[in-house]
Amino acid sequence: MNERIRVREVRVIDDTGEQLGIMPPQQALTIARQKGLDLVEIAATANPPVCRIMDFGRYQYQEQKRARQAKKHQKFIEVKEIKFRPKVDEHDYQFKKKHIERFLADGDKVKATIFFRGREMAHPEIGRRILQRLIEDLTEVAIAETAPRQEGNQMHTILSGRAGAKRTSPKPAREAASGPALVPSPGPAPAPEAAAVAAEPEAAESTPKE
């Protein structure tokens, strides 16, 4: 850029995109200085190299802004790991399967891993059955990128979200928290004795005098 351009001649484009032709770098730099701009080499491998007259500071700012915008819209995929034991019970299996479904719905991948200990290493088919069942149970929302594979005391498979799978939306908090409507219970009915006592004065008043 500017005085650092050390070639004999360059092809120059001005700040409006007009071709100024081939000239020595010092001549092109003079034109750039007269406009208060910089001379920037944009095609060093061309013959002769191509330089452009521009505001280099503004150019850098725009490039950084574009990079930030591209990074903002970029989705980073994480690989979450869910661990199982060969003796996993049904409740724990279903609990972890729901976690896997949530991770897949968020756009992440999941590494489902079976850990073997001691004598469990002699029965790798148990871990393979668990992973195969997991793949089949999640077939509507996931695909297995790798078949169940054993490495040392671990066996794992990588699951990724299936394209077009529907995301399950959770129930609204208000609906989930609300229960059946409470109906106020009527007050206790008066005892028969009290009802009879209350009725006696009324009966006495209604009796005609002789």
N, C-alpha and C. Protein backbone atom coordinates (compact mmCIF):
# COMPACT_ATOMS: atom_id res chain seq x y z
N MET A 1 0.84 -1.19 0.00
CA MET A 1 0.00 0.00 0.00
C MET A 1 0.88 1.25 0.00
N ASN A 2 0.48 2.25 -0.78
CA ASN A 2 1.18 3.54 -0.84
C ASN A 2 2.67 3.34 -1.16
N GLU A 3 3.59 3.85 -0.29
CA GLU A 3 5.03 3.80 -0.57
C GLU A 3 5.60 2.39 -0.54
N ARG A 4 4.85 1.42 -0.03
CA ARG A 4 5.36 0.05 0.05
C ARG A 4 5.27 -0.69 -1.28
N ILE A 5 4.60 -0.12 -2.26
CA ILE A 5 4.49 -0.76 -3.57
C ILE A 5 5.81 -0.56 -4.30
N ARG A 6 6.54 -1.66 -4.57
CA ARG A 6 7.90 -1.58 -5.07
C ARG A 6 8.06 -2.10 -6.50
N VAL A 7 7.04 -2.08 -7.32
CA VAL A 7 7.15 -2.56 -8.70
C VAL A 7 7.42 -1.38 -9.63
N ARG A 8 7.78 -1.69 -10.86
CA ARG A 8 8.13 -0.64 -11.82
C ARG A 8 6.90 0.12 -12.30
N GLU A 9 5.80 -0.59 -12.57
CA GLU A 9 4.60 0.07 -13.04
C GLU A 9 3.37 -0.72 -12.59
N VAL A 10 2.25 -0.04 -12.51
CA VAL A 10 1.00 -0.66 -12.05
C VAL A 10 -0.14 -0.19 -12.93
N ARG A 11 -1.19 -1.02 -12.94
CA ARG A 11 -2.42 -0.62 -13.60
C ARG A 11 -3.32 0.01 -12.53
N VAL A 12 -3.83 1.20 -12.80
CA VAL A 12 -4.51 1.99 -11.76
C VAL A 12 -6.00 2.12 -12.06
N ILE A 13 -6.81 1.91 -10.99
CA ILE A 13 -8.25 2.15 -11.03
C ILE A 13 -8.54 3.22 -9.99
N ASP A 14 -9.26 4.25 -10.36
CA ASP A 14 -9.52 5.32 -9.39
C ASP A 14 -10.70 4.97 -8.48
N ASP A 15 -11.04 5.88 -7.59
CA ASP A 15 -12.07 5.61 -6.59
C ASP A 15 -13.46 5.51 -7.17
N THR A 16 -13.65 5.93 -8.42
CA THR A 16 -14.97 5.81 -9.05
C THR A 16 -15.08 4.56 -9.92
N GLY A 17 -13.98 3.77 -10.00
CA GLY A 17 -13.97 2.56 -10.82
C GLY A 17 -13.46 2.78 -12.22
N GLU A 18 -12.99 3.99 -12.52
CA GLU A 18 -12.49 4.29 -13.88
C GLU A 18 -11.05 3.83 -14.02
N GLN A 19 -10.74 3.25 -15.18
CA GLN A 19 -9.38 2.81 -15.49
C GLN A 19 -8.52 4.02 -15.85
N LEU A 20 -7.43 4.20 -15.11
CA LEU A 20 -6.51 5.31 -15.40
C LEU A 20 -5.31 4.88 -16.23
N GLY A 21 -5.20 3.57 -16.48
CA GLY A 21 -4.11 3.09 -17.32
C GLY A 21 -2.92 2.62 -16.51
N ILE A 22 -1.80 2.38 -17.20
CA ILE A 22 -0.58 1.87 -16.59
C ILE A 22 0.37 3.04 -16.36
N MET A 23 0.97 3.10 -15.19
CA MET A 23 1.86 4.20 -14.83
C MET A 23 2.76 3.76 -13.68
N PRO A 24 3.82 4.52 -13.40
CA PRO A 24 4.68 4.21 -12.26
C PRO A 24 3.91 4.39 -10.95
N PRO A 25 4.26 3.62 -9.92
CA PRO A 25 3.55 3.74 -8.64
C PRO A 25 3.59 5.15 -8.06
N GLN A 26 4.71 5.88 -8.23
CA GLN A 26 4.81 7.22 -7.67
C GLN A 26 3.80 8.17 -8.30
N GLN A 27 3.57 8.00 -9.59
CA GLN A 27 2.58 8.84 -10.26
C GLN A 27 1.17 8.52 -9.76
N ALA A 28 0.88 7.22 -9.59
CA ALA A 28 -0.43 6.83 -9.08
C ALA A 28 -0.62 7.30 -7.64
N LEU A 29 0.45 7.25 -6.85
CA LEU A 29 0.36 7.70 -5.47
C LEU A 29 0.10 9.20 -5.39
N THR A 30 0.70 9.94 -6.30
CA THR A 30 0.46 11.39 -6.34
C THR A 30 -1.01 11.70 -6.60
N ILE A 31 -1.61 10.95 -7.54
CA ILE A 31 -3.04 11.14 -7.83
C ILE A 31 -3.88 10.82 -6.60
N ALA A 32 -3.50 9.73 -5.90
CA ALA A 32 -4.26 9.33 -4.71
C ALA A 32 -4.14 10.39 -3.62
N ARG A 33 -2.92 10.95 -3.43
CA ARG A 33 -2.72 11.97 -2.39
C ARG A 33 -3.51 13.25 -2.69
N GLN A 34 -3.62 13.58 -3.97
CA GLN A 34 -4.38 14.77 -4.34
C GLN A 34 -5.86 14.63 -3.96
N LYS A 35 -6.36 13.40 -3.90
CA LYS A 35 -7.76 13.14 -3.52
C LYS A 35 -7.90 12.84 -2.03
N GLY A 36 -6.76 12.82 -1.31
CA GLY A 36 -6.81 12.49 0.11
C GLY A 36 -7.09 11.02 0.36
N LEU A 37 -6.67 10.16 -0.61
CA LEU A 37 -6.95 8.73 -0.51
C LEU A 37 -5.64 7.94 -0.53
N ASP A 38 -5.79 6.60 -0.54
CA ASP A 38 -4.63 5.70 -0.52
C ASP A 38 -4.54 4.93 -1.83
N LEU A 39 -3.33 4.45 -2.11
CA LEU A 39 -3.11 3.57 -3.26
C LEU A 39 -2.93 2.16 -2.71
N VAL A 40 -3.87 1.27 -3.05
CA VAL A 40 -3.89 -0.08 -2.47
C VAL A 40 -3.73 -1.10 -3.58
N GLU A 41 -2.79 -2.02 -3.38
CA GLU A 41 -2.57 -3.09 -4.34
C GLU A 41 -3.62 -4.17 -4.13
N ILE A 42 -4.43 -4.45 -5.15
CA ILE A 42 -5.53 -5.40 -5.02
C ILE A 42 -5.31 -6.68 -5.82
N ALA A 43 -4.36 -6.68 -6.74
CA ALA A 43 -4.05 -7.88 -7.53
C ALA A 43 -2.56 -7.91 -7.78
N ALA A 44 -1.83 -8.46 -6.79
CA ALA A 44 -0.37 -8.44 -6.86
C ALA A 44 0.17 -9.39 -7.92
N THR A 45 -0.57 -10.45 -8.26
CA THR A 45 -0.06 -11.45 -9.20
C THR A 45 -0.35 -11.09 -10.66
N ALA A 46 -1.13 -10.04 -10.89
CA ALA A 46 -1.43 -9.64 -12.27
C ALA A 46 -0.19 -9.02 -12.91
N ASN A 47 -0.20 -8.92 -14.22
CA ASN A 47 0.94 -8.36 -14.96
C ASN A 47 0.44 -7.23 -15.88
N PRO A 48 0.67 -5.96 -15.50
CA PRO A 48 1.30 -5.52 -14.25
C PRO A 48 0.31 -5.60 -13.07
N PRO A 49 0.80 -5.48 -11.81
CA PRO A 49 -0.10 -5.52 -10.66
C PRO A 49 -1.15 -4.42 -10.75
N VAL A 50 -2.33 -4.71 -10.17
CA VAL A 50 -3.44 -3.77 -10.21
C VAL A 50 -3.56 -3.07 -8.86
N CYS A 51 -3.65 -1.73 -8.92
CA CYS A 51 -3.83 -0.94 -7.71
C CYS A 51 -5.10 -0.12 -7.83
N ARG A 52 -5.69 0.15 -6.67
CA ARG A 52 -6.91 0.94 -6.66
C ARG A 52 -6.75 2.11 -5.70
N ILE A 53 -7.29 3.25 -6.11
CA ILE A 53 -7.29 4.43 -5.26
C ILE A 53 -8.55 4.37 -4.39
N MET A 54 -8.36 4.39 -3.07
CA MET A 54 -9.51 4.24 -2.16
C MET A 54 -9.16 4.80 -0.79
N ASP A 55 -10.20 4.89 0.04
CA ASP A 55 -10.02 5.23 1.45
C ASP A 55 -9.80 3.91 2.17
N PHE A 56 -8.55 3.60 2.49
CA PHE A 56 -8.23 2.29 3.04
C PHE A 56 -8.84 2.08 4.42
N GLY A 57 -8.87 3.13 5.24
CA GLY A 57 -9.48 3.01 6.56
C GLY A 57 -10.95 2.64 6.48
N ARG A 58 -11.65 3.30 5.57
CA ARG A 58 -13.08 3.00 5.40
C ARG A 58 -13.26 1.60 4.83
N TYR A 59 -12.37 1.19 3.94
CA TYR A 59 -12.43 -0.15 3.36
C TYR A 59 -12.27 -1.22 4.45
N GLN A 60 -11.31 -1.00 5.35
CA GLN A 60 -11.12 -1.95 6.45
C GLN A 60 -12.34 -2.03 7.36
N TYR A 61 -12.92 -0.87 7.64
CA TYR A 61 -14.11 -0.84 8.50
C TYR A 61 -15.26 -1.62 7.88
N GLN A 62 -15.49 -1.46 6.58
CA GLN A 62 -16.58 -2.16 5.91
C GLN A 62 -16.33 -3.67 5.88
N GLU A 63 -15.05 -4.07 5.68
CA GLU A 63 -14.73 -5.49 5.68
C GLU A 63 -14.98 -6.10 7.05
N GLN A 64 -14.58 -5.39 8.12
CA GLN A 64 -14.82 -5.90 9.47
C GLN A 64 -16.30 -5.97 9.79
N LYS A 65 -17.07 -5.01 9.31
CA LYS A 65 -18.51 -5.01 9.53
C LYS A 65 -19.16 -6.19 8.83
N ARG A 66 -18.73 -6.47 7.59
CA ARG A 66 -19.28 -7.63 6.88
C ARG A 66 -18.92 -8.93 7.58
N ALA A 67 -17.70 -9.00 8.11
CA ALA A 67 -17.28 -10.22 8.82
C ALA A 67 -18.10 -10.42 10.08
N ARG A 68 -18.40 -9.32 10.79
CA ARG A 68 -19.22 -9.44 12.01
C ARG A 68 -20.63 -9.89 11.67
N GLN A 69 -21.19 -9.35 10.60
CA GLN A 69 -22.54 -9.75 10.20
C GLN A 69 -22.59 -11.22 9.80
N ALA A 70 -21.56 -11.68 9.08
CA ALA A 70 -21.53 -13.08 8.68
C ALA A 70 -21.38 -13.99 9.89
N LYS A 71 -20.59 -13.57 10.87
CA LYS A 71 -20.40 -14.37 12.08
C LYS A 71 -21.67 -14.41 12.91
N LYS A 72 -22.44 -13.32 12.91
CA LYS A 72 -23.66 -13.26 13.70
C LYS A 72 -24.68 -14.27 13.20
N HIS A 73 -24.74 -14.48 11.87
CA HIS A 73 -25.73 -15.38 11.29
C HIS A 73 -25.20 -16.80 11.15
N GLN A 74 -23.99 -17.04 11.62
CA GLN A 74 -23.40 -18.37 11.49
C GLN A 74 -23.83 -19.24 12.65
N LYS A 75 -24.21 -20.48 12.37
CA LYS A 75 -24.64 -21.42 13.39
C LYS A 75 -23.50 -22.36 13.71
N PHE A 76 -23.10 -22.39 14.99
CA PHE A 76 -22.05 -23.28 15.44
C PHE A 76 -22.68 -24.56 15.97
N ILE A 77 -22.32 -25.67 15.37
CA ILE A 77 -22.87 -26.96 15.77
C ILE A 77 -21.96 -27.58 16.82
N GLU A 78 -22.55 -27.91 17.96
CA GLU A 78 -21.81 -28.57 19.03
C GLU A 78 -22.14 -30.05 19.03
N VAL A 79 -21.20 -30.84 19.57
CA VAL A 79 -21.43 -32.27 19.74
C VAL A 79 -21.61 -32.53 21.23
N LYS A 80 -22.83 -32.84 21.62
CA LYS A 80 -23.14 -33.16 23.01
C LYS A 80 -22.95 -34.65 23.23
N GLU A 81 -22.48 -35.01 24.41
CA GLU A 81 -22.28 -36.43 24.72
C GLU A 81 -23.24 -36.88 25.80
N ILE A 82 -23.95 -37.97 25.55
CA ILE A 82 -24.84 -38.60 26.52
C ILE A 82 -24.28 -39.99 26.82
N LYS A 83 -24.07 -40.27 28.10
CA LYS A 83 -23.43 -41.51 28.50
C LYS A 83 -24.45 -42.51 29.06
N PHE A 84 -24.29 -43.76 28.66
CA PHE A 84 -25.12 -44.85 29.15
C PHE A 84 -24.23 -45.92 29.78
N ARG A 85 -24.81 -46.70 30.66
CA ARG A 85 -24.17 -47.89 31.19
C ARG A 85 -24.86 -49.11 30.61
N PRO A 86 -24.17 -50.25 30.48
CA PRO A 86 -24.82 -51.45 29.94
C PRO A 86 -26.04 -51.89 30.74
N LYS A 87 -26.07 -51.58 32.03
CA LYS A 87 -27.20 -51.98 32.88
C LYS A 87 -28.19 -50.84 33.09
N VAL A 88 -28.30 -49.95 32.11
CA VAL A 88 -29.21 -48.82 32.24
C VAL A 88 -30.65 -49.31 32.38
N ASP A 89 -31.39 -48.73 33.34
CA ASP A 89 -32.79 -49.13 33.50
C ASP A 89 -33.66 -48.32 32.55
N GLU A 90 -34.94 -48.71 32.47
CA GLU A 90 -35.84 -48.11 31.49
C GLU A 90 -36.07 -46.62 31.77
N HIS A 91 -36.23 -46.26 33.04
CA HIS A 91 -36.48 -44.85 33.38
C HIS A 91 -35.29 -43.98 32.97
N ASP A 92 -34.08 -44.42 33.27
CA ASP A 92 -32.89 -43.65 32.92
C ASP A 92 -32.72 -43.57 31.41
N TYR A 93 -33.04 -44.66 30.71
CA TYR A 93 -32.95 -44.66 29.25
C TYR A 93 -33.89 -43.63 28.65
N GLN A 94 -35.14 -43.60 29.09
CA GLN A 94 -36.11 -42.65 28.54
C GLN A 94 -35.72 -41.21 28.89
N PHE A 95 -35.20 -41.00 30.08
CA PHE A 95 -34.77 -39.66 30.50
C PHE A 95 -33.66 -39.14 29.60
N LYS A 96 -32.67 -39.99 29.30
CA LYS A 96 -31.56 -39.55 28.47
C LYS A 96 -31.98 -39.43 27.01
N LYS A 97 -32.93 -40.24 26.59
CA LYS A 97 -33.43 -40.13 25.20
C LYS A 97 -34.09 -38.78 24.98
N LYS A 98 -34.82 -38.28 25.99
CA LYS A 98 -35.45 -36.98 25.86
C LYS A 98 -34.41 -35.86 25.77
N HIS A 99 -33.31 -36.00 26.50
CA HIS A 99 -32.22 -35.03 26.39
C HIS A 99 -31.65 -35.03 24.97
N ILE A 100 -31.48 -36.20 24.40
CA ILE A 100 -30.95 -36.30 23.03
C ILE A 100 -31.90 -35.61 22.05
N GLU A 101 -33.20 -35.83 22.21
CA GLU A 101 -34.18 -35.19 21.32
C GLU A 101 -34.10 -33.67 21.44
N ARG A 102 -33.90 -33.17 22.64
CA ARG A 102 -33.82 -31.71 22.83
C ARG A 102 -32.56 -31.15 22.17
N PHE A 103 -31.43 -31.85 22.32
CA PHE A 103 -30.19 -31.39 21.69
C PHE A 103 -30.33 -31.38 20.17
N LEU A 104 -30.93 -32.41 19.62
CA LEU A 104 -31.11 -32.48 18.17
C LEU A 104 -32.03 -31.38 17.68
N ALA A 105 -33.08 -31.07 18.45
CA ALA A 105 -34.01 -30.01 18.06
C ALA A 105 -33.32 -28.65 18.07
N ASP A 106 -32.29 -28.49 18.90
CA ASP A 106 -31.53 -27.24 18.94
C ASP A 106 -30.50 -27.14 17.82
N GLY A 107 -30.37 -28.19 17.00
CA GLY A 107 -29.44 -28.15 15.89
C GLY A 107 -28.08 -28.73 16.19
N ASP A 108 -27.90 -29.33 17.37
CA ASP A 108 -26.61 -29.92 17.73
C ASP A 108 -26.56 -31.40 17.35
N LYS A 109 -25.36 -31.96 17.38
CA LYS A 109 -25.19 -33.39 17.20
C LYS A 109 -25.00 -34.03 18.58
N VAL A 110 -25.23 -35.34 18.64
CA VAL A 110 -25.13 -36.05 19.92
C VAL A 110 -24.26 -37.28 19.74
N LYS A 111 -23.33 -37.44 20.68
CA LYS A 111 -22.51 -38.65 20.75
C LYS A 111 -23.04 -39.51 21.87
N ALA A 112 -23.71 -40.60 21.53
CA ALA A 112 -24.23 -41.52 22.53
C ALA A 112 -23.16 -42.56 22.82
N THR A 113 -22.76 -42.67 24.09
CA THR A 113 -21.62 -43.50 24.47
C THR A 113 -22.02 -44.51 25.54
N ILE A 114 -21.59 -45.76 25.36
CA ILE A 114 -21.75 -46.81 26.36
C ILE A 114 -20.39 -47.03 27.03
N PHE A 115 -20.37 -46.98 28.37
CA PHE A 115 -19.14 -47.21 29.12
C PHE A 115 -19.18 -48.61 29.74
N PHE A 116 -18.14 -49.39 29.49
CA PHE A 116 -18.03 -50.73 30.05
C PHE A 116 -17.01 -50.73 31.20
N ARG A 117 -17.31 -51.52 32.21
CA ARG A 117 -16.40 -51.68 33.34
C ARG A 117 -16.19 -53.16 33.65
N GLY A 118 -14.95 -53.51 33.92
CA GLY A 118 -14.63 -54.86 34.38
C GLY A 118 -15.17 -55.94 33.46
N ARG A 119 -16.00 -56.83 34.04
CA ARG A 119 -16.51 -57.97 33.29
C ARG A 119 -17.51 -57.58 32.22
N GLU A 120 -18.01 -56.33 32.27
CA GLU A 120 -18.92 -55.88 31.22
C GLU A 120 -18.24 -55.87 29.85
N MET A 121 -16.91 -55.79 29.84
CA MET A 121 -16.18 -55.79 28.57
C MET A 121 -16.37 -57.08 27.79
N ALA A 122 -16.74 -58.16 28.50
CA ALA A 122 -16.92 -59.45 27.83
C ALA A 122 -18.25 -59.54 27.10
N HIS A 123 -19.12 -58.53 27.27
CA HIS A 123 -20.43 -58.58 26.62
C HIS A 123 -20.70 -57.27 25.86
N PRO A 124 -19.93 -56.99 24.81
CA PRO A 124 -20.16 -55.75 24.05
C PRO A 124 -21.51 -55.74 23.32
N GLU A 125 -22.10 -56.94 23.12
CA GLU A 125 -23.38 -56.99 22.42
C GLU A 125 -24.49 -56.29 23.20
N ILE A 126 -24.34 -56.18 24.53
CA ILE A 126 -25.34 -55.48 25.34
C ILE A 126 -25.34 -53.99 24.98
N GLY A 127 -24.14 -53.41 24.93
CA GLY A 127 -24.05 -52.00 24.55
C GLY A 127 -24.50 -51.75 23.14
N ARG A 128 -24.20 -52.71 22.25
CA ARG A 128 -24.61 -52.55 20.85
C ARG A 128 -26.14 -52.57 20.73
N ARG A 129 -26.80 -53.41 21.53
CA ARG A 129 -28.27 -53.46 21.49
C ARG A 129 -28.87 -52.14 21.98
N ILE A 130 -28.26 -51.54 23.01
CA ILE A 130 -28.77 -50.27 23.54
C ILE A 130 -28.66 -49.19 22.47
N LEU A 131 -27.53 -49.11 21.78
CA LEU A 131 -27.36 -48.07 20.76
C LEU A 131 -28.25 -48.33 19.56
N GLN A 132 -28.41 -49.57 19.17
CA GLN A 132 -29.30 -49.88 18.05
C GLN A 132 -30.75 -49.52 18.41
N ARG A 133 -31.15 -49.80 19.65
CA ARG A 133 -32.50 -49.42 20.07
C ARG A 133 -32.66 -47.90 20.04
N LEU A 134 -31.63 -47.19 20.49
CA LEU A 134 -31.69 -45.73 20.49
C LEU A 134 -31.84 -45.18 19.08
N ILE A 135 -31.10 -45.74 18.14
CA ILE A 135 -31.19 -45.30 16.74
C ILE A 135 -32.59 -45.54 16.19
N GLU A 136 -33.16 -46.71 16.51
CA GLU A 136 -34.50 -47.03 16.02
C GLU A 136 -35.57 -46.14 16.68
N ASP A 137 -35.42 -45.87 17.99
CA ASP A 137 -36.40 -45.03 18.68
C ASP A 137 -36.39 -43.59 18.17
N LEU A 138 -35.23 -43.14 17.68
CA LEU A 138 -35.10 -41.75 17.23
C LEU A 138 -35.11 -41.62 15.70
N THR A 139 -35.55 -42.67 15.02
CA THR A 139 -35.46 -42.67 13.56
C THR A 139 -36.24 -41.54 12.90
N GLU A 140 -37.30 -41.02 13.57
CA GLU A 140 -38.09 -39.95 12.97
C GLU A 140 -37.42 -38.59 13.09
N VAL A 141 -36.51 -38.43 14.02
CA VAL A 141 -35.89 -37.12 14.25
C VAL A 141 -34.38 -37.13 14.05
N ALA A 142 -33.77 -38.31 13.90
CA ALA A 142 -32.30 -38.37 13.84
C ALA A 142 -31.84 -39.43 12.86
N ILE A 143 -30.63 -39.24 12.39
CA ILE A 143 -29.95 -40.25 11.58
C ILE A 143 -28.61 -40.54 12.24
N ALA A 144 -28.17 -41.78 12.13
CA ALA A 144 -26.89 -42.18 12.70
C ALA A 144 -25.79 -41.94 11.68
N GLU A 145 -24.88 -41.02 11.99
CA GLU A 145 -23.77 -40.75 11.07
C GLU A 145 -22.76 -41.89 11.09
N THR A 146 -22.66 -42.59 12.21
CA THR A 146 -21.74 -43.72 12.31
C THR A 146 -22.46 -44.88 12.96
N ALA A 147 -22.14 -46.09 12.56
CA ALA A 147 -22.68 -47.27 13.21
C ALA A 147 -22.02 -47.42 14.58
N PRO A 148 -22.68 -48.10 15.52
CA PRO A 148 -22.05 -48.31 16.83
C PRO A 148 -20.66 -48.92 16.68
N ARG A 149 -19.68 -48.25 17.29
CA ARG A 149 -18.28 -48.65 17.13
C ARG A 149 -17.60 -48.66 18.49
N GLN A 150 -16.84 -49.72 18.76
CA GLN A 150 -16.18 -49.85 20.06
C GLN A 150 -14.73 -49.39 19.97
N GLU A 151 -14.33 -48.60 20.96
CA GLU A 151 -12.95 -48.14 21.10
C GLU A 151 -12.55 -48.29 22.56
N GLY A 152 -11.76 -49.30 22.86
CA GLY A 152 -11.37 -49.54 24.24
C GLY A 152 -12.56 -49.98 25.07
N ASN A 153 -12.80 -49.28 26.19
CA ASN A 153 -13.92 -49.62 27.06
C ASN A 153 -15.17 -48.80 26.74
N GLN A 154 -15.23 -48.21 25.54
CA GLN A 154 -16.37 -47.40 25.14
C GLN A 154 -16.91 -47.87 23.80
N MET A 155 -18.19 -47.66 23.62
CA MET A 155 -18.84 -47.89 22.33
C MET A 155 -19.74 -46.69 22.07
N HIS A 156 -19.69 -46.12 20.89
CA HIS A 156 -20.45 -44.90 20.65
C HIS A 156 -21.00 -44.85 19.23
N THR A 157 -21.95 -43.94 19.03
CA THR A 157 -22.48 -43.59 17.72
C THR A 157 -22.76 -42.10 17.71
N ILE A 158 -22.70 -41.48 16.53
CA ILE A 158 -22.95 -40.05 16.38
C ILE A 158 -24.32 -39.88 15.72
N LEU A 159 -25.17 -39.08 16.38
CA LEU A 159 -26.52 -38.82 15.86
C LEU A 159 -26.63 -37.35 15.46
N SER A 160 -27.26 -37.11 14.33
CA SER A 160 -27.53 -35.74 13.88
C SER A 160 -29.00 -35.61 13.52
N GLY A 161 -29.52 -34.39 13.56
CA GLY A 161 -30.93 -34.17 13.30
C GLY A 161 -31.32 -34.49 11.87
N ARG A 162 -32.47 -35.10 11.71
CA ARG A 162 -32.97 -35.43 10.38
C ARG A 162 -33.59 -34.18 9.75
N ALA A 163 -33.28 -33.93 8.49
CA ALA A 163 -33.83 -32.76 7.81
C ALA A 163 -35.33 -32.86 7.71
N GLY A 164 -36.01 -31.75 8.06
CA GLY A 164 -37.46 -31.71 7.99
C GLY A 164 -38.16 -32.26 9.21
N ALA A 165 -37.38 -32.66 10.24
CA ALA A 165 -38.02 -33.17 11.45
C ALA A 165 -38.71 -32.04 12.18
N LYS A 166 -39.91 -32.30 12.70
CA LYS A 166 -40.68 -31.28 13.39
C LYS A 166 -40.16 -31.12 14.81
N ARG A 167 -40.03 -29.87 15.21
CA ARG A 167 -39.62 -29.59 16.58
C ARG A 167 -40.85 -29.58 17.47
N THR A 168 -40.71 -30.21 18.63
CA THR A 168 -41.82 -30.23 19.56
C THR A 168 -41.76 -29.00 20.43
N SER A 169 -42.84 -28.19 20.38
CA SER A 169 -42.86 -26.97 21.17
C SER A 169 -43.40 -27.28 22.54
N PRO A 170 -42.73 -26.81 23.62
CA PRO A 170 -43.22 -27.07 24.96
C PRO A 170 -44.52 -26.34 25.23
N LYS A 171 -45.29 -26.86 26.19
CA LYS A 171 -46.55 -26.23 26.55
C LYS A 171 -46.28 -24.90 27.22
N PRO A 172 -47.16 -23.92 27.01
CA PRO A 172 -46.97 -22.65 27.69
C PRO A 172 -46.98 -22.85 29.19
N ALA A 173 -46.20 -22.00 29.87
CA ALA A 173 -46.07 -22.14 31.32
C ALA A 173 -47.40 -21.96 32.01
N ARG A 174 -48.23 -21.04 31.49
CA ARG A 174 -49.52 -20.77 32.11
C ARG A 174 -50.41 -21.99 32.04
N GLU A 175 -50.40 -22.65 30.87
CA GLU A 175 -51.25 -23.83 30.70
C GLU A 175 -50.75 -24.98 31.55
N ALA A 176 -49.43 -25.12 31.63
CA ALA A 176 -48.88 -26.23 32.40
C ALA A 176 -49.10 -26.03 33.88
N ALA A 177 -49.07 -24.76 34.33
CA ALA A 177 -49.19 -24.50 35.75
C ALA A 177 -50.63 -24.52 36.21
N SER A 178 -51.54 -24.25 35.29
CA SER A 178 -52.93 -24.16 35.70
C SER A 178 -53.52 -25.53 35.92
N GLY A 179 -54.29 -25.70 36.97
CA GLY A 179 -54.94 -26.97 37.26
C GLY A 179 -56.43 -26.83 37.05
N PRO A 180 -57.21 -27.80 37.54
CA PRO A 180 -58.66 -27.70 37.40
C PRO A 180 -59.20 -26.55 38.23
N ALA A 181 -60.25 -25.93 37.73
CA ALA A 181 -60.82 -24.79 38.43
C ALA A 181 -61.38 -25.23 39.77
N LEU A 182 -61.15 -24.43 40.80
CA LEU A 182 -61.61 -24.74 42.14
C LEU A 182 -63.00 -24.16 42.33
N VAL A 183 -63.96 -24.99 42.69
CA VAL A 183 -65.34 -24.56 42.92
C VAL A 183 -65.53 -24.45 44.42
N PRO A 184 -65.94 -23.30 44.95
CA PRO A 184 -66.11 -23.19 46.40
C PRO A 184 -67.19 -24.13 46.89
N SER A 185 -66.90 -24.84 47.97
CA SER A 185 -67.84 -25.80 48.50
C SER A 185 -68.89 -25.10 49.34
N PRO A 186 -70.13 -25.54 49.29
CA PRO A 186 -71.18 -24.88 50.10
C PRO A 186 -70.92 -25.09 51.58
N GLY A 187 -71.42 -24.16 52.38
CA GLY A 187 -71.23 -24.26 53.82
C GLY A 187 -71.98 -25.45 54.39
N PRO A 188 -71.67 -25.82 55.61
CA PRO A 188 -72.30 -27.02 56.21
C PRO A 188 -73.79 -26.80 56.40
N ALA A 189 -74.58 -27.83 56.15
CA ALA A 189 -76.03 -27.75 56.32
C ALA A 189 -76.37 -27.68 57.79
N PRO A 190 -77.39 -26.93 58.20
CA PRO A 190 -77.75 -26.85 59.61
C PRO A 190 -78.20 -28.19 60.16
N ALA A 191 -77.84 -28.44 61.40
CA ALA A 191 -78.23 -29.69 62.04
C ALA A 191 -79.75 -29.78 62.14
N PRO A 192 -80.32 -31.00 62.17
CA PRO A 192 -81.78 -31.12 62.24
C PRO A 192 -82.36 -30.49 63.49
N GLU A 193 -81.64 -30.62 64.64
CA GLU A 193 -82.14 -30.03 65.87
C GLU A 193 -82.23 -28.52 65.76
N ALA A 194 -81.19 -27.91 65.22
CA ALA A 194 -81.19 -26.45 65.08
C ALA A 194 -82.31 -26.00 64.16
N ALA A 195 -82.57 -26.75 63.10
CA ALA A 195 -83.64 -26.38 62.19
C ALA A 195 -84.99 -26.46 62.87
N ALA A 196 -85.15 -27.48 63.74
CA ALA A 196 -86.43 -27.62 64.42
C ALA A 196 -86.64 -26.51 65.42
N VAL A 197 -85.56 -26.13 66.16
CA VAL A 197 -85.67 -25.05 67.14
C VAL A 197 -86.00 -23.75 66.47
N ALA A 198 -85.37 -23.52 65.30
CA ALA A 198 -85.63 -22.28 64.58
C ALA A 198 -87.06 -22.23 64.07
N ALA A 199 -87.64 -23.38 63.81
CA ALA A 199 -89.01 -23.39 63.27
C ALA A 199 -90.07 -23.24 64.33
N GLU A 200 -89.77 -23.53 65.63
CA GLU A 200 -90.77 -23.49 66.69
C GLU A 200 -91.36 -22.10 66.90
N PRO A 201 -90.55 -21.01 67.05
CA PRO A 201 -91.17 -19.68 67.22
C PRO A 201 -92.09 -19.32 66.07
N GLU A 202 -91.67 -19.69 64.86
CA GLU A 202 -92.50 -19.36 63.71
C GLU A 202 -93.84 -20.06 63.78
N ALA A 203 -93.81 -21.32 64.27
CA ALA A 203 -95.07 -22.05 64.41
C ALA A 203 -95.93 -21.47 65.51
N ALA A 204 -95.25 -20.99 66.61
CA ALA A 204 -96.00 -20.40 67.71
C ALA A 204 -96.69 -19.14 67.30
N GLU A 205 -96.04 -18.33 66.51
CA GLU A 205 -96.62 -17.07 66.06
C GLU A 205 -97.81 -17.29 65.13
N SER A 206 -97.72 -18.38 64.39
CA SER A 206 -98.81 -18.62 63.44
C SER A 206 -100.05 -19.25 64.07
N THR A 207 -99.97 -19.63 65.40
CA THR A 207 -101.11 -20.30 66.03
C THR A 207 -102.12 -19.23 66.51
N PRO A 208 -103.36 -19.22 66.11
CA PRO A 208 -104.34 -18.17 66.50
C PRO A 208 -104.72 -18.30 67.98
N LYS A 209 -104.87 -17.17 68.63
CA LYS A 209 -105.29 -17.17 70.04
C LYS A 209 -106.77 -17.46 70.16
N GLU A 210 -107.17 -18.15 71.28
CA GLU A 210 -108.58 -18.46 71.51
C GLU A 210 -109.30 -17.32 72.19
